[in-house]
Structures are given as C-alpha cells and as structure tokens.
Amino acid sequence: MSAFEPHLSRAHPGFINILHVGRTADYLYYSMELADDHLGGRKIDIDSYEPRTLKTDLAPARNASPRTNRSGLGFR
C-alpha cells in the first residue's frame, strides 16, 4: 500500500482516510474513518447509520423524480 500512497490524492472529497493497516498470521486488516451517512451526511447518528455509497446514491429517493435524483451524479 505504501507504494501507491504518493499517487493518491487525499484532497478529493470522496476519499476517506485509512487509519491503520495490519497483518495477523491469518489475514490482513485495516481500519478507516466512517463514511458520510447516506441521509444525514456528516451528521452521523450511530443508531441509524448507513454509509453513503454508490448504491444509496442511485437508489430512488422518496418523492423525487429520477431526473432530480441523478442530477448530482453527472447524468443528464
């Protein structure tokens, strides 16, 4: 991973930080920041938290037309 680090742009708003990478005898692991909540953005309620993902961005919003839902994703 450190070989790729110089090529990563940490300034991009869509990236979250990887806080720790490790290895055990059986597997590799990492810990990272929570992603924004798909409904609350950066305001996270841990009891109802669901990360904002491409899947949640593409899911039809309640009471929103498909055209409105896609406008923030660059679709026309």
PDB file of N, CA and C in Angstrom:
ATOM      1  N   MET A   1       0.813  -1.187   0.000  1.00  0.00           N
ATOM      2  CA  MET A   1       0.000   0.000   0.000  1.00  0.00           C
ATOM      3  C   MET A   1       0.861   1.257   0.000  1.00  0.00           C
ATOM      4  N   SER A   2       1.948   1.229   0.720  1.00  0.00           N
ATOM      5  CA  SER A   2       2.801   2.412   0.768  1.00  0.00           C
ATOM      6  C   SER A   2       3.388   2.743  -0.599  1.00  0.00           C
ATOM      7  N   ALA A   3       3.476   1.760  -1.485  1.00  0.00           N
ATOM      8  CA  ALA A   3       3.988   2.025  -2.836  1.00  0.00           C
ATOM      9  C   ALA A   3       3.020   2.904  -3.628  1.00  0.00           C
ATOM     10  N   PHE A   4       1.728   2.844  -3.320  1.00  0.00           N
ATOM     11  CA  PHE A   4       0.734   3.633  -4.044  1.00  0.00           C
ATOM     12  C   PHE A   4       0.458   4.981  -3.394  1.00  0.00           C
ATOM     13  N   GLU A   5       0.844   5.141  -2.154  1.00  0.00           N
ATOM     14  CA  GLU A   5       0.495   6.338  -1.403  1.00  0.00           C
ATOM     15  C   GLU A   5       0.909   7.641  -2.078  1.00  0.00           C
ATOM     16  N   PRO A   6       2.103   7.754  -2.657  1.00  0.00           N
ATOM     17  CA  PRO A   6       2.454   9.027  -3.292  1.00  0.00           C
ATOM     18  C   PRO A   6       1.532   9.409  -4.451  1.00  0.00           C
ATOM     19  N   HIS A   7       0.821   8.452  -5.024  1.00  0.00           N
ATOM     20  CA  HIS A   7      -0.030   8.716  -6.179  1.00  0.00           C
ATOM     21  C   HIS A   7      -1.478   9.026  -5.801  1.00  0.00           C
ATOM     22  N   LEU A   8      -1.803   8.908  -4.526  1.00  0.00           N
ATOM     23  CA  LEU A   8      -3.174   9.146  -4.082  1.00  0.00           C
ATOM     24  C   LEU A   8      -3.382  10.620  -3.772  1.00  0.00           C
ATOM     25  N   SER A   9      -4.533  11.125  -4.151  1.00  0.00           N
ATOM     26  CA  SER A   9      -4.892  12.495  -3.806  1.00  0.00           C
ATOM     27  C   SER A   9      -5.784  12.453  -2.581  1.00  0.00           C
ATOM     28  N   ARG A  10      -5.263  12.854  -1.460  1.00  0.00           N
ATOM     29  CA  ARG A  10      -6.067  12.860  -0.229  1.00  0.00           C
ATOM     30  C   ARG A  10      -6.981  14.081  -0.161  1.00  0.00           C
ATOM     31  N   ALA A  11      -6.837  14.986  -1.117  1.00  0.00           N
ATOM     32  CA  ALA A  11      -7.666  16.188  -1.116  1.00  0.00           C
ATOM     33  C   ALA A  11      -9.034  15.944  -1.735  1.00  0.00           C
ATOM     34  N   HIS A  12      -9.243  14.825  -2.393  1.00  0.00           N
ATOM     35  CA  HIS A  12     -10.524  14.564  -3.038  1.00  0.00           C
ATOM     36  C   HIS A  12     -11.600  14.348  -1.982  1.00  0.00           C
ATOM     37  N   PRO A  13     -12.762  15.013  -2.094  1.00  0.00           N
ATOM     38  CA  PRO A  13     -13.789  14.910  -1.059  1.00  0.00           C
ATOM     39  C   PRO A  13     -14.436  13.532  -0.960  1.00  0.00           C
ATOM     40  N   GLY A  14     -14.263  12.683  -1.961  1.00  0.00           N
ATOM     41  CA  GLY A  14     -14.878  11.363  -1.925  1.00  0.00           C
ATOM     42  C   GLY A  14     -14.038  10.311  -1.222  1.00  0.00           C
ATOM     43  N   PHE A  15     -12.832  10.662  -0.824  1.00  0.00           N
ATOM     44  CA  PHE A  15     -11.961   9.693  -0.170  1.00  0.00           C
ATOM     45  C   PHE A  15     -12.032   9.840   1.345  1.00  0.00           C
ATOM     46  N   ILE A  16     -11.928   8.725   2.038  1.00  0.00           N
ATOM     47  CA  ILE A  16     -11.823   8.758   3.496  1.00  0.00           C
ATOM     48  C   ILE A  16     -10.470   8.179   3.880  1.00  0.00           C
ATOM     49  N   ASN A  17      -9.984   8.574   5.019  1.00  0.00           N
ATOM     50  CA  ASN A  17      -8.647   8.163   5.439  1.00  0.00           C
ATOM     51  C   ASN A  17      -8.618   6.731   5.962  1.00  0.00           C
ATOM     52  N   ILE A  18      -7.588   6.013   5.594  1.00  0.00           N
ATOM     53  CA  ILE A  18      -7.294   4.719   6.188  1.00  0.00           C
ATOM     54  C   ILE A  18      -6.417   5.011   7.392  1.00  0.00           C
ATOM     55  N   LEU A  19      -6.859   4.607   8.557  1.00  0.00           N
ATOM     56  CA  LEU A  19      -6.180   4.972   9.792  1.00  0.00           C
ATOM     57  C   LEU A  19      -5.092   3.982  10.195  1.00  0.00           C
ATOM     58  N   HIS A  20      -5.307   2.705   9.876  1.00  0.00           N
ATOM     59  CA  HIS A  20      -4.324   1.698  10.279  1.00  0.00           C
ATOM     60  C   HIS A  20      -4.444   0.480   9.374  1.00  0.00           C
ATOM     61  N   VAL A  21      -3.301  -0.079   9.017  1.00  0.00           N
ATOM     62  CA  VAL A  21      -3.245  -1.314   8.236  1.00  0.00           C
ATOM     63  C   VAL A  21      -2.385  -2.287   9.019  1.00  0.00           C
ATOM     64  N   GLY A  22      -2.818  -3.542   9.094  1.00  0.00           N
ATOM     65  CA  GLY A  22      -2.055  -4.523   9.847  1.00  0.00           C
ATOM     66  C   GLY A  22      -2.196  -5.909   9.260  1.00  0.00           C
ATOM     67  N   ARG A  23      -1.492  -6.820   9.868  1.00  0.00           N
ATOM     68  CA  ARG A  23      -1.500  -8.211   9.414  1.00  0.00           C
ATOM     69  C   ARG A  23      -1.422  -9.122  10.629  1.00  0.00           C
ATOM     70  N   THR A  24      -2.196 -10.190  10.579  1.00  0.00           N
ATOM     71  CA  THR A  24      -2.072 -11.245  11.570  1.00  0.00           C
ATOM     72  C   THR A  24      -1.554 -12.477  10.833  1.00  0.00           C
ATOM     73  N   ALA A  25      -1.433 -13.581  11.535  1.00  0.00           N
ATOM     74  CA  ALA A  25      -0.977 -14.810  10.888  1.00  0.00           C
ATOM     75  C   ALA A  25      -1.983 -15.303   9.849  1.00  0.00           C
ATOM     76  N   ASP A  26      -3.261 -14.916  10.007  1.00  0.00           N
ATOM     77  CA  ASP A  26      -4.317 -15.430   9.130  1.00  0.00           C
ATOM     78  C   ASP A  26      -4.861 -14.447   8.101  1.00  0.00           C
ATOM     79  N   TYR A  27      -4.738 -13.135   8.334  1.00  0.00           N
ATOM     80  CA  TYR A  27      -5.365 -12.187   7.420  1.00  0.00           C
ATOM     81  C   TYR A  27      -4.740 -10.799   7.520  1.00  0.00           C
ATOM     82  N   LEU A  28      -5.074  -9.969   6.532  1.00  0.00           N
ATOM     83  CA  LEU A  28      -4.747  -8.549   6.547  1.00  0.00           C
ATOM     84  C   LEU A  28      -5.975  -7.796   7.033  1.00  0.00           C
ATOM     85  N   TYR A  29      -5.783  -6.628   7.648  1.00  0.00           N
ATOM     86  CA  TYR A  29      -6.918  -5.835   8.093  1.00  0.00           C
ATOM     87  C   TYR A  29      -6.583  -4.360   7.985  1.00  0.00           C
ATOM     88  N   TYR A  30      -7.619  -3.541   7.998  1.00  0.00           N
ATOM     89  CA  TYR A  30      -7.441  -2.096   8.033  1.00  0.00           C
ATOM     90  C   TYR A  30      -8.603  -1.468   8.785  1.00  0.00           C
ATOM     91  N   SER A  31      -8.367  -0.283   9.311  1.00  0.00           N
ATOM     92  CA  SER A  31      -9.449   0.493   9.917  1.00  0.00           C
ATOM     93  C   SER A  31      -9.464   1.847   9.233  1.00  0.00           C
ATOM     94  N   MET A  32     -10.664   2.377   9.083  1.00  0.00           N
ATOM     95  CA  MET A  32     -10.804   3.638   8.381  1.00  0.00           C
ATOM     96  C   MET A  32     -11.905   4.480   9.013  1.00  0.00           C
ATOM     97  N   GLU A  33     -11.958   5.758   8.632  1.00  0.00           N
ATOM     98  CA  GLU A  33     -12.995   6.652   9.117  1.00  0.00           C
ATOM     99  C   GLU A  33     -14.357   6.179   8.630  1.00  0.00           C
ATOM    100  N   LEU A  34     -15.391   6.576   9.345  1.00  0.00           N
ATOM    101  CA  LEU A  34     -16.742   6.312   8.870  1.00  0.00           C
ATOM    102  C   LEU A  34     -17.006   7.154   7.632  1.00  0.00           C
ATOM    103  N   ALA A  35     -17.707   6.585   6.674  1.00  0.00           N
ATOM    104  CA  ALA A  35     -18.159   7.354   5.522  1.00  0.00           C
ATOM    105  C   ALA A  35     -19.336   8.222   5.958  1.00  0.00           C
ATOM    106  N   ASP A  36     -19.651   9.249   5.192  1.00  0.00           N
ATOM    107  CA  ASP A  36     -20.825  10.069   5.488  1.00  0.00           C
ATOM    108  C   ASP A  36     -22.068   9.192   5.503  1.00  0.00           C
ATOM    109  N   ASP A  37     -23.021   9.564   6.321  1.00  0.00           N
ATOM    110  CA  ASP A  37     -24.292   8.854   6.373  1.00  0.00           C
ATOM    111  C   ASP A  37     -25.083   9.171   5.107  1.00  0.00           C
ATOM    112  N   HIS A  38     -25.776   8.186   4.558  1.00  0.00           N
ATOM    113  CA  HIS A  38     -26.464   8.404   3.287  1.00  0.00           C
ATOM    114  C   HIS A  38     -27.629   9.377   3.401  1.00  0.00           C
ATOM    115  N   LEU A  39     -28.155   9.579   4.585  1.00  0.00           N
ATOM    116  CA  LEU A  39     -29.231  10.559   4.763  1.00  0.00           C
ATOM    117  C   LEU A  39     -28.752  11.811   5.489  1.00  0.00           C
ATOM    118  N   GLY A  40     -27.925  11.639   6.517  1.00  0.00           N
ATOM    119  CA  GLY A  40     -27.523  12.767   7.348  1.00  0.00           C
ATOM    120  C   GLY A  40     -26.216  13.426   6.969  1.00  0.00           C
ATOM    121  N   GLY A  41     -25.530  12.897   5.963  1.00  0.00           N
ATOM    122  CA  GLY A  41     -24.237  13.474   5.584  1.00  0.00           C
ATOM    123  C   GLY A  41     -23.220  13.289   6.689  1.00  0.00           C
ATOM    124  N   ARG A  42     -22.574  14.379   7.049  1.00  0.00           N
ATOM    125  CA  ARG A  42     -21.541  14.297   8.093  1.00  0.00           C
ATOM    126  C   ARG A  42     -22.134  14.235   9.500  1.00  0.00           C
ATOM    127  N   LYS A  43     -23.431  14.511   9.610  1.00  0.00           N
ATOM    128  CA  LYS A  43     -24.106  14.384  10.907  1.00  0.00           C
ATOM    129  C   LYS A  43     -24.515  12.914  11.058  1.00  0.00           C
ATOM    130  N   ILE A  44     -23.783  12.185  11.887  1.00  0.00           N
ATOM    131  CA  ILE A  44     -23.963  10.734  11.988  1.00  0.00           C
ATOM    132  C   ILE A  44     -24.657  10.370  13.294  1.00  0.00           C
ATOM    133  N   ASP A  45     -25.763   9.654  13.167  1.00  0.00           N
ATOM    134  CA  ASP A  45     -26.451   9.054  14.312  1.00  0.00           C
ATOM    135  C   ASP A  45     -26.071   7.574  14.280  1.00  0.00           C
ATOM    136  N   ILE A  46     -25.263   7.145  15.206  1.00  0.00           N
ATOM    137  CA  ILE A  46     -24.693   5.795  15.180  1.00  0.00           C
ATOM    138  C   ILE A  46     -25.771   4.708  15.217  1.00  0.00           C
ATOM    139  N   ASP A  47     -26.939   5.004  15.787  1.00  0.00           N
ATOM    140  CA  ASP A  47     -28.014   4.003  15.857  1.00  0.00           C
ATOM    141  C   ASP A  47     -28.675   3.741  14.504  1.00  0.00           C
ATOM    142  N   SER A  48     -28.658   4.731  13.609  1.00  0.00           N
ATOM    143  CA  SER A  48     -29.309   4.554  12.312  1.00  0.00           C
ATOM    144  C   SER A  48     -28.324   4.716  11.153  1.00  0.00           C
ATOM    145  N   TYR A  49     -27.032   4.684  11.442  1.00  0.00           N
ATOM    146  CA  TYR A  49     -26.001   4.921  10.431  1.00  0.00           C
ATOM    147  C   TYR A  49     -26.044   3.900   9.298  1.00  0.00           C
ATOM    148  N   GLU A  50     -26.034   4.410   8.078  1.00  0.00           N
ATOM    149  CA  GLU A  50     -25.843   3.593   6.884  1.00  0.00           C
ATOM    150  C   GLU A  50     -24.937   4.409   5.967  1.00  0.00           C
ATOM    151  N   PRO A  51     -23.790   3.867   5.546  1.00  0.00           N
ATOM    152  CA  PRO A  51     -22.834   4.667   4.780  1.00  0.00           C
ATOM    153  C   PRO A  51     -23.393   5.114   3.434  1.00  0.00           C
ATOM    154  N   ARG A  52     -22.942   6.290   3.008  1.00  0.00           N
ATOM    155  CA  ARG A  52     -23.286   6.773   1.680  1.00  0.00           C
ATOM    156  C   ARG A  52     -22.417   6.023   0.680  1.00  0.00           C
ATOM    157  N   THR A  53     -23.047   5.336  -0.233  1.00  0.00           N
ATOM    158  CA  THR A  53     -22.354   4.553  -1.245  1.00  0.00           C
ATOM    159  C   THR A  53     -22.964   4.861  -2.608  1.00  0.00           C
ATOM    160  N   LEU A  54     -22.364   4.340  -3.656  1.00  0.00           N
ATOM    161  CA  LEU A  54     -22.945   4.497  -4.979  1.00  0.00           C
ATOM    162  C   LEU A  54     -24.344   3.890  -5.010  1.00  0.00           C
ATOM    163  N   LYS A  55     -24.524   2.766  -4.319  1.00  0.00           N
ATOM    164  CA  LYS A  55     -25.837   2.118  -4.272  1.00  0.00           C
ATOM    165  C   LYS A  55     -26.885   3.039  -3.651  1.00  0.00           C
ATOM    166  N   THR A  56     -26.547   3.688  -2.533  1.00  0.00           N
ATOM    167  CA  THR A  56     -27.522   4.571  -1.905  1.00  0.00           C
ATOM    168  C   THR A  56     -27.732   5.835  -2.723  1.00  0.00           C
ATOM    169  N   ASP A  57     -26.699   6.316  -3.434  1.00  0.00           N
ATOM    170  CA  ASP A  57     -26.857   7.483  -4.297  1.00  0.00           C
ATOM    171  C   ASP A  57     -27.769   7.184  -5.485  1.00  0.00           C
ATOM    172  N   LEU A  58     -27.715   5.969  -6.007  1.00  0.00           N
ATOM    173  CA  LEU A  58     -28.516   5.608  -7.173  1.00  0.00           C
ATOM    174  C   LEU A  58     -29.919   5.129  -6.820  1.00  0.00           C
ATOM    175  N   ALA A  59     -30.148   4.806  -5.548  1.00  0.00           N
ATOM    176  CA  ALA A  59     -31.474   4.348  -5.118  1.00  0.00           C
ATOM    177  C   ALA A  59     -32.468   5.490  -5.276  1.00  0.00           C
ATOM    178  N   PRO A  60     -33.676   5.186  -5.741  1.00  0.00           N
ATOM    179  CA  PRO A  60     -34.667   6.258  -5.905  1.00  0.00           C
ATOM    180  C   PRO A  60     -34.994   6.912  -4.573  1.00  0.00           C
ATOM    181  N   ALA A  61     -34.914   8.214  -4.533  1.00  0.00           N
ATOM    182  CA  ALA A  61     -35.258   8.953  -3.312  1.00  0.00           C
ATOM    183  C   ALA A  61     -36.772   9.053  -3.193  1.00  0.00           C
ATOM    184  N   ARG A  62     -37.255   9.105  -1.977  1.00  0.00           N
ATOM    185  CA  ARG A  62     -38.700   9.263  -1.768  1.00  0.00           C
ATOM    186  C   ARG A  62     -39.129  10.629  -2.293  1.00  0.00           C
ATOM    187  N   ASN A  63     -40.210  10.649  -3.021  1.00  0.00           N
ATOM    188  CA  ASN A  63     -40.805  11.882  -3.546  1.00  0.00           C
ATOM    189  C   ASN A  63     -39.870  12.665  -4.470  1.00  0.00           C
ATOM    190  N   ALA A  64     -38.916  12.008  -5.089  1.00  0.00           N
ATOM    191  CA  ALA A  64     -38.032  12.700  -6.028  1.00  0.00           C
ATOM    192  C   ALA A  64     -38.130  12.024  -7.386  1.00  0.00           C
ATOM    193  N   SER A  65     -38.090  12.825  -8.409  1.00  0.00           N
ATOM    194  CA  SER A  65     -38.137  12.251  -9.747  1.00  0.00           C
ATOM    195  C   SER A  65     -36.777  11.653 -10.085  1.00  0.00           C
ATOM    196  N   PRO A  66     -36.728  10.669 -10.971  1.00  0.00           N
ATOM    197  CA  PRO A  66     -35.433  10.083 -11.354  1.00  0.00           C
ATOM    198  C   PRO A  66     -34.463  11.122 -11.897  1.00  0.00           C
ATOM    199  N   ARG A  67     -34.956  12.119 -12.623  1.00  0.00           N
ATOM    200  CA  ARG A  67     -34.080  13.156 -13.169  1.00  0.00           C
ATOM    201  C   ARG A  67     -33.429  13.956 -12.042  1.00  0.00           C
ATOM    202  N   THR A  68     -34.203  14.298 -11.020  1.00  0.00           N
ATOM    203  CA  THR A  68     -33.669  15.036  -9.874  1.00  0.00           C
ATOM    204  C   THR A  68     -32.642  14.200  -9.130  1.00  0.00           C
ATOM    205  N   ASN A  69     -32.919  12.917  -8.960  1.00  0.00           N
ATOM    206  CA  ASN A  69     -32.028  12.027  -8.220  1.00  0.00           C
ATOM    207  C   ASN A  69     -30.665  11.911  -8.894  1.00  0.00           C
ATOM    208  N   ARG A  70     -30.621  11.987 -10.220  1.00  0.00           N
ATOM    209  CA  ARG A  70     -29.363  11.789 -10.947  1.00  0.00           C
ATOM    210  C   ARG A  70     -28.571  13.072 -11.119  1.00  0.00           C
ATOM    211  N   SER A  71     -29.164  14.221 -10.876  1.00  0.00           N
ATOM    212  CA  SER A  71     -28.508  15.488 -11.197  1.00  0.00           C
ATOM    213  C   SER A  71     -27.163  15.662 -10.499  1.00  0.00           C
ATOM    214  N   GLY A  72     -27.033  15.205  -9.280  1.00  0.00           N
ATOM    215  CA  GLY A  72     -25.778  15.349  -8.564  1.00  0.00           C
ATOM    216  C   GLY A  72     -24.724  14.344  -8.961  1.00  0.00           C
ATOM    217  N   LEU A  73     -25.070  13.377  -9.806  1.00  0.00           N
ATOM    218  CA  LEU A  73     -24.137  12.333 -10.188  1.00  0.00           C
ATOM    219  C   LEU A  73     -23.551  12.543 -11.578  1.00  0.00           C
ATOM    220  N   GLY A  74     -23.940  13.613 -12.235  1.00  0.00           N
ATOM    221  CA  GLY A  74     -23.374  13.907 -13.550  1.00  0.00           C
ATOM    222  C   GLY A  74     -24.140  13.299 -14.707  1.00  0.00           C
ATOM    223  N   PHE A  75     -25.292  12.690 -14.459  1.00  0.00           N
ATOM    224  CA  PHE A  75     -26.121  12.157 -15.535  1.00  0.00           C
ATOM    225  C   PHE A  75     -26.988  13.262 -16.112  1.00  0.00           C
ATOM    226  N   ARG A  76     -27.351  13.134 -17.365  1.00  0.00           N
ATOM    227  CA  ARG A  76     -28.268  14.097 -17.981  1.00  0.00           C
ATOM    228  C   ARG A  76     -29.467  13.390 -18.513  1.00  0.00           C
TER     229      ARG A  76
END
